[in-house]
């Protein structure tokens, strides 16, 4: 079995396990995900820290997190790096949770959550984009990234590469059950045609 297949099976297993242990009130509404490119799986805090560190965020920049879930990446980015953070989430329930978490963290003025399919989102004002999607989803998303993102925009992907792009840096991140995860940093090249 290939490494990509193992990682995909791990994410699906984690999603199914999380769904089975959460009470019905805590689970996102699965009908929200009918057009979704990836299941909802939470990135560990240490991975979020490493992703944001690799993004080399500067105060005043704008970060987009595609599939922001509960908002942990956008909240951490706004708090620690003083950036404008935009989360895009297809699940209405998770989008509301992200807004609530941003308010609780005191960063509601620096965080915006958009409830929509990120395939329909204009990303042109992003300096950084973060992703935790499967390789096939990254491949589907790549034309949008190439259309909207300016040259030198940084894209950080947890666990899965973007087919057709060459990472400028990778770092390993420990996971559960001894599995090591890879974080990929890309920079949109000047040569990508809009």
N, C-alpha and C. Protein backbone atom coordinates (compact mmCIF):
# COMPACT_ATOMS: atom_id res chain seq x y z
N UNK A 1 0.86 -1.18 0.00
CA UNK A 1 0.00 0.00 0.00
C UNK A 1 0.90 1.24 0.00
N UNK A 2 0.58 2.23 -0.82
CA UNK A 2 1.40 3.44 -0.92
C UNK A 2 1.22 4.30 0.31
N UNK A 3 2.20 5.20 0.54
CA UNK A 3 2.14 6.12 1.67
C UNK A 3 0.90 7.02 1.58
N UNK A 4 0.55 7.47 0.37
CA UNK A 4 -0.64 8.31 0.19
C UNK A 4 -1.90 7.55 0.56
N UNK A 5 -1.97 6.27 0.19
CA UNK A 5 -3.15 5.46 0.52
C UNK A 5 -3.24 5.24 2.02
N UNK A 6 -2.09 5.04 2.67
CA UNK A 6 -2.08 4.86 4.13
C UNK A 6 -2.55 6.14 4.82
N UNK A 7 -2.05 7.29 4.35
CA UNK A 7 -2.47 8.57 4.95
C UNK A 7 -3.95 8.82 4.74
N UNK A 8 -4.46 8.52 3.53
CA UNK A 8 -5.89 8.71 3.27
C UNK A 8 -6.71 7.81 4.17
N UNK A 9 -6.28 6.55 4.33
CA UNK A 9 -7.00 5.62 5.21
C UNK A 9 -6.95 6.09 6.65
N UNK A 10 -5.82 6.67 7.06
CA UNK A 10 -5.68 7.18 8.42
C UNK A 10 -6.64 8.33 8.67
N UNK A 11 -6.75 9.26 7.72
CA UNK A 11 -7.66 10.39 7.88
C UNK A 11 -9.10 9.91 7.93
N UNK A 12 -9.46 9.00 7.04
CA UNK A 12 -10.84 8.49 7.03
C UNK A 12 -11.12 7.75 8.33
N UNK A 13 -10.16 6.94 8.80
CA UNK A 13 -10.34 6.22 10.07
C UNK A 13 -10.50 7.20 11.23
N UNK A 14 -9.67 8.26 11.24
CA UNK A 14 -9.77 9.26 12.30
C UNK A 14 -11.13 9.95 12.27
N UNK A 15 -11.61 10.25 11.06
CA UNK A 15 -12.91 10.89 10.92
C UNK A 15 -14.02 9.97 11.43
N UNK A 16 -13.96 8.71 11.05
CA UNK A 16 -14.99 7.76 11.50
C UNK A 16 -14.91 7.54 13.00
N UNK A 17 -13.68 7.46 13.55
CA UNK A 17 -13.52 7.29 15.00
C UNK A 17 -14.06 8.50 15.74
N UNK A 18 -13.69 9.71 15.26
CA UNK A 18 -14.18 10.93 15.91
C UNK A 18 -15.69 11.01 15.85
N UNK A 19 -16.26 10.60 14.73
CA UNK A 19 -17.72 10.62 14.59
C UNK A 19 -18.38 9.66 15.56
N UNK A 20 -17.74 8.52 15.81
CA UNK A 20 -18.35 7.53 16.69
C UNK A 20 -18.24 7.90 18.15
N UNK A 21 -17.19 8.66 18.53
CA UNK A 21 -17.05 9.00 19.95
C UNK A 21 -17.73 10.30 20.34
N UNK A 22 -17.92 11.19 19.41
CA UNK A 22 -18.57 12.46 19.73
C UNK A 22 -20.07 12.24 19.91
N UNK A 23 -20.64 13.03 20.81
CA UNK A 23 -22.10 12.97 20.92
C UNK A 23 -22.70 13.61 19.68
N UNK A 24 -23.94 13.29 19.39
CA UNK A 24 -24.60 13.83 18.20
C UNK A 24 -24.59 15.36 18.22
N UNK A 25 -24.70 15.97 19.39
CA UNK A 25 -24.73 17.43 19.50
C UNK A 25 -23.39 18.05 19.11
N UNK A 26 -22.27 17.30 19.28
CA UNK A 26 -20.95 17.85 18.99
C UNK A 26 -20.54 17.61 17.54
N UNK A 27 -21.14 16.66 16.87
CA UNK A 27 -20.74 16.33 15.51
C UNK A 27 -21.22 17.38 14.52
N UNK A 28 -20.38 17.68 13.53
CA UNK A 28 -20.86 18.54 12.46
C UNK A 28 -21.96 17.82 11.70
N UNK A 29 -22.86 18.58 11.13
CA UNK A 29 -23.94 18.02 10.33
C UNK A 29 -23.32 17.45 9.05
N UNK A 30 -23.41 16.14 8.86
CA UNK A 30 -22.76 15.50 7.72
C UNK A 30 -23.34 15.94 6.39
N UNK A 31 -24.57 16.44 6.37
CA UNK A 31 -25.13 16.94 5.11
C UNK A 31 -24.40 18.20 4.64
N UNK A 32 -23.72 18.91 5.58
CA UNK A 32 -22.92 20.07 5.19
C UNK A 32 -21.77 19.69 4.28
N UNK A 33 -21.37 18.42 4.32
CA UNK A 33 -20.17 17.98 3.63
C UNK A 33 -20.44 17.31 2.29
N UNK A 34 -21.66 17.38 1.77
CA UNK A 34 -21.97 16.65 0.54
C UNK A 34 -21.10 17.07 -0.64
N UNK A 35 -20.65 18.32 -0.69
CA UNK A 35 -19.77 18.78 -1.78
C UNK A 35 -18.34 18.99 -1.30
N UNK A 36 -18.00 18.45 -0.15
CA UNK A 36 -16.71 18.67 0.46
C UNK A 36 -15.62 17.81 -0.18
N UNK A 37 -14.42 18.37 -0.25
CA UNK A 37 -13.29 17.65 -0.83
C UNK A 37 -12.52 16.82 0.19
N UNK A 38 -12.79 17.00 1.47
CA UNK A 38 -12.06 16.27 2.50
C UNK A 38 -12.91 16.18 3.77
N UNK A 39 -12.71 15.11 4.55
CA UNK A 39 -13.44 15.00 5.81
C UNK A 39 -12.89 16.00 6.83
N UNK A 40 -13.67 16.28 7.85
CA UNK A 40 -13.22 17.15 8.92
C UNK A 40 -12.35 16.36 9.87
N UNK A 41 -11.06 16.70 9.89
CA UNK A 41 -10.10 16.10 10.80
C UNK A 41 -9.31 17.25 11.42
N UNK A 42 -9.18 17.24 12.72
CA UNK A 42 -8.52 18.33 13.44
C UNK A 42 -7.00 18.18 13.36
N UNK A 43 -6.32 19.26 13.00
CA UNK A 43 -4.86 19.27 13.01
C UNK A 43 -4.39 19.46 14.45
N UNK A 44 -3.41 18.69 14.89
CA UNK A 44 -2.90 18.85 16.26
C UNK A 44 -2.27 20.23 16.47
N UNK A 45 -2.33 20.72 17.71
CA UNK A 45 -1.81 22.06 18.02
C UNK A 45 -0.34 22.22 17.61
N UNK A 46 0.49 21.22 17.87
CA UNK A 46 1.92 21.35 17.51
C UNK A 46 2.09 21.45 15.99
N UNK A 47 1.20 20.81 15.23
CA UNK A 47 1.26 20.92 13.77
C UNK A 47 0.84 22.31 13.32
N UNK A 48 -0.18 22.87 13.98
CA UNK A 48 -0.61 24.24 13.68
C UNK A 48 0.55 25.20 13.92
N UNK A 49 1.23 25.05 15.04
CA UNK A 49 2.38 25.91 15.36
C UNK A 49 3.45 25.82 14.29
N UNK A 50 3.75 24.60 13.87
CA UNK A 50 4.80 24.39 12.87
C UNK A 50 4.38 24.95 11.51
N UNK A 51 3.10 24.77 11.15
CA UNK A 51 2.61 25.31 9.87
C UNK A 51 2.74 26.83 9.84
N UNK A 52 2.35 27.49 10.93
CA UNK A 52 2.40 28.95 10.98
C UNK A 52 3.83 29.45 11.01
N UNK A 53 4.70 28.72 11.69
CA UNK A 53 6.11 29.08 11.70
C UNK A 53 6.69 29.00 10.28
N UNK A 54 6.37 27.92 9.57
CA UNK A 54 6.86 27.75 8.20
C UNK A 54 6.32 28.82 7.25
N UNK A 55 5.12 29.31 7.53
CA UNK A 55 4.50 30.33 6.67
C UNK A 55 5.22 31.66 6.73
N UNK A 56 6.04 31.85 7.78
CA UNK A 56 6.82 33.09 7.92
C UNK A 56 5.91 34.32 7.85
N UNK A 57 4.84 34.28 8.64
CA UNK A 57 3.86 35.38 8.65
C UNK A 57 4.45 36.67 9.19
N UNK A 58 4.01 37.77 8.59
CA UNK A 58 4.43 39.09 9.03
C UNK A 58 3.19 39.89 9.42
N UNK A 59 3.30 40.74 10.45
CA UNK A 59 2.14 41.55 10.86
C UNK A 59 1.55 42.30 9.66
N UNK A 60 0.22 42.30 9.59
CA UNK A 60 -0.47 43.00 8.52
C UNK A 60 -0.79 42.14 7.32
N UNK A 61 -0.20 40.94 7.22
CA UNK A 61 -0.50 40.06 6.09
C UNK A 61 -1.88 39.42 6.28
N UNK A 62 -2.33 38.73 5.24
CA UNK A 62 -3.62 38.05 5.27
C UNK A 62 -3.41 36.56 5.02
N UNK A 63 -3.92 35.75 5.94
CA UNK A 63 -3.86 34.30 5.83
C UNK A 63 -5.26 33.76 5.58
N UNK A 64 -5.38 32.84 4.64
CA UNK A 64 -6.62 32.11 4.39
C UNK A 64 -6.41 30.66 4.80
N UNK A 65 -7.32 30.12 5.59
CA UNK A 65 -7.31 28.70 5.93
C UNK A 65 -8.51 28.07 5.25
N UNK A 66 -8.24 27.19 4.30
CA UNK A 66 -9.31 26.57 3.51
C UNK A 66 -9.77 25.29 4.19
N UNK A 67 -11.03 25.29 4.62
CA UNK A 67 -11.55 24.20 5.45
C UNK A 67 -11.13 24.44 6.87
N UNK A 68 -11.49 25.61 7.42
CA UNK A 68 -10.94 26.06 8.70
C UNK A 68 -11.48 25.32 9.92
N UNK A 69 -12.51 24.50 9.75
CA UNK A 69 -13.01 23.73 10.89
C UNK A 69 -13.39 24.61 12.06
N UNK A 70 -12.81 24.33 13.23
CA UNK A 70 -13.14 25.09 14.44
C UNK A 70 -12.37 26.39 14.56
N UNK A 71 -11.53 26.69 13.59
CA UNK A 71 -10.84 27.99 13.56
C UNK A 71 -9.48 28.03 14.23
N UNK A 72 -8.94 26.90 14.60
CA UNK A 72 -7.70 26.92 15.38
C UNK A 72 -6.53 27.58 14.64
N UNK A 73 -6.41 27.39 13.32
CA UNK A 73 -5.29 28.01 12.58
C UNK A 73 -5.49 29.52 12.48
N UNK A 74 -6.68 29.96 12.12
CA UNK A 74 -6.89 31.40 11.96
C UNK A 74 -6.79 32.14 13.30
N UNK A 75 -7.24 31.51 14.36
CA UNK A 75 -7.15 32.14 15.69
C UNK A 75 -5.69 32.25 16.12
N UNK A 76 -4.92 31.16 15.97
CA UNK A 76 -3.51 31.19 16.33
C UNK A 76 -2.75 32.21 15.49
N UNK A 77 -3.06 32.30 14.20
CA UNK A 77 -2.37 33.26 13.32
C UNK A 77 -2.66 34.69 13.76
N UNK A 78 -3.92 34.99 14.04
CA UNK A 78 -4.30 36.34 14.46
C UNK A 78 -3.67 36.71 15.80
N UNK A 79 -3.68 35.78 16.74
CA UNK A 79 -3.14 36.06 18.09
C UNK A 79 -1.62 36.20 18.08
N UNK A 80 -0.95 35.27 17.45
CA UNK A 80 0.51 35.21 17.57
C UNK A 80 1.25 36.06 16.55
N UNK A 81 0.65 36.24 15.38
CA UNK A 81 1.38 36.90 14.30
C UNK A 81 0.78 38.23 13.88
N UNK A 82 -0.33 38.62 14.50
CA UNK A 82 -0.97 39.92 14.22
C UNK A 82 -1.30 40.08 12.74
N UNK A 83 -1.91 39.06 12.17
CA UNK A 83 -2.33 39.09 10.78
C UNK A 83 -3.86 39.10 10.72
N UNK A 84 -4.37 39.44 9.56
CA UNK A 84 -5.80 39.26 9.28
C UNK A 84 -5.95 37.81 8.85
N UNK A 85 -6.88 37.10 9.47
CA UNK A 85 -7.04 35.68 9.17
C UNK A 85 -8.46 35.40 8.70
N UNK A 86 -8.55 34.71 7.58
CA UNK A 86 -9.84 34.40 6.98
C UNK A 86 -9.97 32.87 6.91
N UNK A 87 -11.03 32.35 7.50
CA UNK A 87 -11.30 30.93 7.42
C UNK A 87 -12.46 30.69 6.48
N UNK A 88 -12.35 29.68 5.65
CA UNK A 88 -13.43 29.31 4.75
C UNK A 88 -13.87 27.90 5.14
N UNK A 89 -15.15 27.76 5.46
CA UNK A 89 -15.66 26.48 5.96
C UNK A 89 -17.01 26.16 5.34
N UNK A 90 -17.15 24.96 4.80
CA UNK A 90 -18.39 24.55 4.14
C UNK A 90 -19.49 24.16 5.13
N UNK A 91 -19.10 23.71 6.32
CA UNK A 91 -20.07 23.31 7.34
C UNK A 91 -20.55 24.54 8.11
N UNK A 92 -21.85 24.78 8.07
CA UNK A 92 -22.40 25.92 8.80
C UNK A 92 -22.12 25.80 10.30
N UNK A 93 -22.27 24.59 10.83
CA UNK A 93 -22.04 24.37 12.25
C UNK A 93 -20.59 24.66 12.64
N UNK A 94 -19.64 24.18 11.84
CA UNK A 94 -18.23 24.44 12.13
C UNK A 94 -17.89 25.92 11.94
N UNK A 95 -18.47 26.56 10.94
CA UNK A 95 -18.24 28.00 10.73
C UNK A 95 -18.70 28.79 11.95
N UNK A 96 -19.88 28.44 12.47
CA UNK A 96 -20.36 29.12 13.69
C UNK A 96 -19.43 28.87 14.87
N UNK A 97 -18.92 27.63 14.98
CA UNK A 97 -18.00 27.28 16.06
C UNK A 97 -16.71 28.08 15.95
N UNK A 98 -16.20 28.25 14.73
CA UNK A 98 -14.98 29.03 14.51
C UNK A 98 -15.19 30.48 14.93
N UNK A 99 -16.35 31.05 14.59
CA UNK A 99 -16.67 32.43 14.98
C UNK A 99 -16.72 32.53 16.51
N UNK A 100 -17.38 31.58 17.13
CA UNK A 100 -17.48 31.56 18.59
C UNK A 100 -16.10 31.42 19.24
N UNK A 101 -15.27 30.54 18.71
CA UNK A 101 -13.92 30.36 19.26
C UNK A 101 -13.07 31.63 19.09
N UNK A 102 -13.22 32.32 17.96
CA UNK A 102 -12.48 33.57 17.75
C UNK A 102 -12.92 34.63 18.76
N UNK A 103 -14.23 34.68 19.03
CA UNK A 103 -14.74 35.64 20.02
C UNK A 103 -14.17 35.31 21.40
N UNK A 104 -14.19 34.04 21.78
CA UNK A 104 -13.66 33.61 23.08
C UNK A 104 -12.17 33.92 23.21
N UNK A 105 -11.45 33.84 22.09
CA UNK A 105 -10.01 34.10 22.10
C UNK A 105 -9.69 35.59 22.02
N UNK A 106 -10.73 36.42 21.81
CA UNK A 106 -10.52 37.87 21.75
C UNK A 106 -9.95 38.37 20.45
N UNK A 107 -10.09 37.61 19.36
CA UNK A 107 -9.54 38.02 18.07
C UNK A 107 -10.63 38.19 17.01
N UNK A 108 -11.87 38.38 17.46
CA UNK A 108 -12.98 38.47 16.50
C UNK A 108 -12.83 39.62 15.51
N UNK A 109 -12.08 40.66 15.86
CA UNK A 109 -11.89 41.78 14.94
C UNK A 109 -10.81 41.50 13.89
N UNK A 110 -10.00 40.48 14.13
CA UNK A 110 -8.92 40.14 13.20
C UNK A 110 -9.20 38.87 12.41
N UNK A 111 -10.32 38.22 12.72
CA UNK A 111 -10.67 36.94 12.09
C UNK A 111 -12.01 37.08 11.39
N UNK A 112 -12.07 36.53 10.20
CA UNK A 112 -13.33 36.49 9.44
C UNK A 112 -13.55 35.04 9.02
N UNK A 113 -14.77 34.55 9.22
CA UNK A 113 -15.10 33.19 8.81
C UNK A 113 -16.16 33.28 7.73
N UNK A 114 -15.87 32.65 6.60
CA UNK A 114 -16.80 32.63 5.47
C UNK A 114 -17.39 31.23 5.37
N UNK A 115 -18.72 31.16 5.44
CA UNK A 115 -19.38 29.87 5.30
C UNK A 115 -19.69 29.66 3.82
N UNK A 116 -18.80 28.92 3.17
CA UNK A 116 -19.01 28.58 1.76
C UNK A 116 -17.99 27.53 1.33
N UNK A 117 -18.18 27.02 0.15
CA UNK A 117 -17.27 26.09 -0.48
C UNK A 117 -16.02 26.87 -0.91
N UNK A 118 -14.84 26.46 -0.45
CA UNK A 118 -13.63 27.23 -0.78
C UNK A 118 -13.30 27.18 -2.26
N UNK A 119 -13.91 26.27 -3.02
CA UNK A 119 -13.70 26.27 -4.47
C UNK A 119 -14.37 27.48 -5.12
N UNK A 120 -15.22 28.17 -4.38
CA UNK A 120 -15.91 29.36 -4.90
C UNK A 120 -15.38 30.65 -4.26
N UNK A 121 -14.23 30.56 -3.60
CA UNK A 121 -13.71 31.69 -2.84
C UNK A 121 -12.59 32.40 -3.61
N UNK A 122 -12.68 33.71 -3.69
CA UNK A 122 -11.63 34.54 -4.28
C UNK A 122 -10.51 34.66 -3.24
N UNK A 123 -9.34 34.19 -3.58
CA UNK A 123 -8.20 34.17 -2.66
C UNK A 123 -7.17 35.25 -3.00
N UNK A 124 -7.54 36.19 -3.85
CA UNK A 124 -6.55 37.11 -4.41
C UNK A 124 -5.87 38.02 -3.39
N UNK A 125 -6.46 38.24 -2.21
CA UNK A 125 -5.78 39.09 -1.24
C UNK A 125 -4.96 38.30 -0.22
N UNK A 126 -4.80 36.99 -0.43
CA UNK A 126 -4.03 36.16 0.50
C UNK A 126 -2.53 36.34 0.30
N UNK A 127 -1.82 36.41 1.42
CA UNK A 127 -0.36 36.31 1.42
C UNK A 127 0.08 34.89 1.74
N UNK A 128 -0.78 34.20 2.51
CA UNK A 128 -0.53 32.82 2.92
C UNK A 128 -1.85 32.05 2.85
N UNK A 129 -1.79 30.81 2.39
CA UNK A 129 -2.94 29.91 2.40
C UNK A 129 -2.51 28.64 3.13
N UNK A 130 -3.35 28.17 4.05
CA UNK A 130 -3.07 26.91 4.74
C UNK A 130 -4.13 25.89 4.35
N UNK A 131 -3.69 24.61 4.28
CA UNK A 131 -4.56 23.52 3.84
C UNK A 131 -4.31 22.28 4.69
N UNK A 132 -5.36 21.52 4.93
CA UNK A 132 -5.24 20.16 5.45
C UNK A 132 -6.26 19.34 4.67
N UNK A 133 -5.89 19.03 3.44
CA UNK A 133 -6.76 18.31 2.52
C UNK A 133 -5.99 17.12 1.97
N UNK A 134 -6.67 16.17 1.39
CA UNK A 134 -6.01 15.03 0.75
C UNK A 134 -5.35 15.47 -0.55
N UNK A 135 -4.42 14.66 -1.04
CA UNK A 135 -3.70 14.99 -2.27
C UNK A 135 -4.65 15.22 -3.44
N UNK A 136 -5.69 14.39 -3.56
CA UNK A 136 -6.63 14.56 -4.66
C UNK A 136 -7.38 15.89 -4.53
N UNK A 137 -7.70 16.29 -3.31
CA UNK A 137 -8.36 17.59 -3.09
C UNK A 137 -7.40 18.72 -3.44
N UNK A 138 -6.13 18.59 -3.06
CA UNK A 138 -5.14 19.62 -3.41
C UNK A 138 -5.00 19.74 -4.92
N UNK A 139 -5.07 18.61 -5.61
CA UNK A 139 -4.98 18.61 -7.07
C UNK A 139 -6.19 19.32 -7.67
N UNK A 140 -7.37 19.09 -7.11
CA UNK A 140 -8.59 19.75 -7.58
C UNK A 140 -8.53 21.25 -7.31
N UNK A 141 -7.96 21.62 -6.17
CA UNK A 141 -7.87 23.03 -5.77
C UNK A 141 -6.78 23.79 -6.52
N UNK A 142 -5.74 23.11 -6.96
CA UNK A 142 -4.57 23.77 -7.55
C UNK A 142 -4.91 24.80 -8.64
N UNK A 143 -5.83 24.54 -9.59
CA UNK A 143 -6.13 25.58 -10.59
C UNK A 143 -6.67 26.88 -9.96
N UNK A 144 -7.44 26.77 -8.87
CA UNK A 144 -7.92 27.98 -8.19
C UNK A 144 -6.76 28.72 -7.54
N UNK A 145 -5.84 27.98 -6.93
CA UNK A 145 -4.67 28.62 -6.32
C UNK A 145 -3.87 29.35 -7.39
N UNK A 146 -3.70 28.70 -8.54
CA UNK A 146 -2.93 29.31 -9.63
C UNK A 146 -3.66 30.51 -10.23
N UNK A 147 -4.99 30.48 -10.24
CA UNK A 147 -5.76 31.59 -10.82
C UNK A 147 -5.75 32.80 -9.88
N UNK A 148 -5.95 32.57 -8.58
CA UNK A 148 -6.14 33.68 -7.64
C UNK A 148 -4.88 34.20 -6.97
N UNK A 149 -3.92 33.33 -6.70
CA UNK A 149 -2.79 33.76 -5.87
C UNK A 149 -1.72 34.48 -6.68
N UNK A 150 -1.19 35.52 -6.07
CA UNK A 150 -0.10 36.29 -6.67
C UNK A 150 1.21 35.53 -6.52
N UNK A 151 2.19 35.81 -7.39
CA UNK A 151 3.51 35.22 -7.20
C UNK A 151 4.06 35.55 -5.81
N UNK A 152 4.76 34.59 -5.23
CA UNK A 152 5.40 34.67 -3.90
C UNK A 152 4.42 34.41 -2.75
N UNK A 153 3.12 34.19 -3.05
CA UNK A 153 2.18 33.80 -1.99
C UNK A 153 2.63 32.44 -1.46
N UNK A 154 2.65 32.30 -0.13
CA UNK A 154 3.05 31.04 0.48
C UNK A 154 1.83 30.15 0.71
N UNK A 155 1.99 28.86 0.43
CA UNK A 155 0.93 27.87 0.65
C UNK A 155 1.54 26.77 1.52
N UNK A 156 0.89 26.51 2.66
CA UNK A 156 1.36 25.49 3.58
C UNK A 156 0.32 24.38 3.64
N UNK A 157 0.74 23.17 3.33
CA UNK A 157 -0.16 22.03 3.31
C UNK A 157 0.29 20.99 4.32
N UNK A 158 -0.61 20.62 5.21
CA UNK A 158 -0.32 19.61 6.23
C UNK A 158 -0.63 18.23 5.66
N UNK A 159 0.35 17.39 5.67
CA UNK A 159 0.22 15.97 5.38
C UNK A 159 0.17 15.59 3.90
N UNK A 160 -0.24 16.48 3.02
CA UNK A 160 -0.42 16.09 1.62
C UNK A 160 0.19 17.11 0.68
N UNK A 161 0.93 16.62 -0.33
CA UNK A 161 1.53 17.53 -1.31
C UNK A 161 0.49 18.08 -2.29
N UNK A 162 0.89 19.10 -3.00
CA UNK A 162 0.08 19.64 -4.10
C UNK A 162 0.70 19.12 -5.39
N UNK A 163 0.02 18.20 -6.07
CA UNK A 163 0.57 17.62 -7.30
C UNK A 163 0.90 18.71 -8.33
N UNK A 164 2.07 18.59 -8.93
CA UNK A 164 2.49 19.55 -9.95
C UNK A 164 3.26 20.73 -9.40
N UNK A 165 3.32 20.89 -8.09
CA UNK A 165 4.09 21.97 -7.47
C UNK A 165 5.29 21.35 -6.75
N UNK A 166 6.37 22.10 -6.68
CA UNK A 166 7.57 21.65 -5.96
C UNK A 166 7.67 22.42 -4.66
N UNK A 167 7.68 21.68 -3.55
CA UNK A 167 7.79 22.31 -2.23
C UNK A 167 9.16 22.97 -2.09
N UNK A 168 9.20 24.16 -1.48
CA UNK A 168 10.48 24.81 -1.23
C UNK A 168 11.04 24.38 0.13
N UNK A 169 10.18 23.78 0.95
CA UNK A 169 10.62 23.26 2.25
C UNK A 169 9.62 22.21 2.72
N UNK A 170 10.12 21.20 3.42
CA UNK A 170 9.25 20.24 4.09
C UNK A 170 9.79 20.05 5.51
N UNK A 171 8.88 19.78 6.43
CA UNK A 171 9.25 19.46 7.81
C UNK A 171 8.40 18.31 8.29
N UNK A 172 8.98 17.52 9.15
CA UNK A 172 8.26 16.39 9.73
C UNK A 172 7.58 16.83 11.02
N UNK A 173 6.44 16.20 11.30
CA UNK A 173 5.67 16.49 12.51
C UNK A 173 5.18 15.16 13.08
N UNK A 174 5.43 14.89 14.37
CA UNK A 174 4.99 13.62 14.94
C UNK A 174 3.47 13.57 15.04
N UNK A 175 2.93 12.38 14.84
CA UNK A 175 1.49 12.20 14.94
C UNK A 175 1.16 11.08 15.91
N UNK A 176 -0.09 10.68 15.91
CA UNK A 176 -0.53 9.59 16.78
C UNK A 176 -0.04 8.25 16.24
N UNK A 177 0.10 7.29 17.11
CA UNK A 177 0.45 5.91 16.75
C UNK A 177 1.79 5.83 16.02
N UNK A 178 2.69 6.76 16.28
CA UNK A 178 4.02 6.71 15.68
C UNK A 178 4.10 7.13 14.23
N UNK A 179 3.00 7.60 13.66
CA UNK A 179 3.00 8.06 12.27
C UNK A 179 3.62 9.44 12.20
N UNK A 180 4.53 9.63 11.26
CA UNK A 180 5.13 10.94 11.05
C UNK A 180 4.39 11.63 9.91
N UNK A 181 4.07 12.90 10.11
CA UNK A 181 3.37 13.69 9.11
C UNK A 181 4.36 14.68 8.49
N UNK A 182 4.09 15.05 7.26
CA UNK A 182 4.94 16.01 6.56
C UNK A 182 4.16 17.29 6.34
N UNK A 183 4.83 18.42 6.56
CA UNK A 183 4.26 19.73 6.26
C UNK A 183 5.03 20.28 5.06
N UNK A 184 4.28 20.70 4.05
CA UNK A 184 4.86 21.19 2.79
C UNK A 184 4.68 22.70 2.70
N UNK A 185 5.76 23.40 2.38
CA UNK A 185 5.70 24.83 2.12
C UNK A 185 5.97 25.06 0.64
N UNK A 186 5.04 25.79 0.02
CA UNK A 186 5.17 26.16 -1.39
C UNK A 186 5.18 27.67 -1.50
N UNK A 187 5.74 28.16 -2.58
CA UNK A 187 5.65 29.58 -2.92
C UNK A 187 5.20 29.65 -4.37
N UNK A 188 4.13 30.40 -4.61
CA UNK A 188 3.60 30.50 -5.97
C UNK A 188 4.68 31.13 -6.85
N UNK A 189 5.08 30.42 -7.92
CA UNK A 189 6.15 30.94 -8.77
C UNK A 189 5.65 32.07 -9.69
N UNK A 190 6.61 32.87 -10.12
CA UNK A 190 6.30 33.96 -11.07
C UNK A 190 5.76 33.41 -12.39
N UNK A 191 6.13 32.17 -12.72
CA UNK A 191 5.82 31.62 -14.04
C UNK A 191 4.38 31.14 -14.19
N UNK A 192 3.63 31.04 -13.06
CA UNK A 192 2.25 30.55 -13.18
C UNK A 192 1.41 31.61 -13.87
N UNK A 193 0.76 31.18 -14.94
CA UNK A 193 -0.10 32.11 -15.69
C UNK A 193 -1.45 32.20 -15.01
N UNK A 194 -1.97 33.40 -14.93
CA UNK A 194 -3.28 33.62 -14.30
C UNK A 194 -4.39 33.30 -15.26
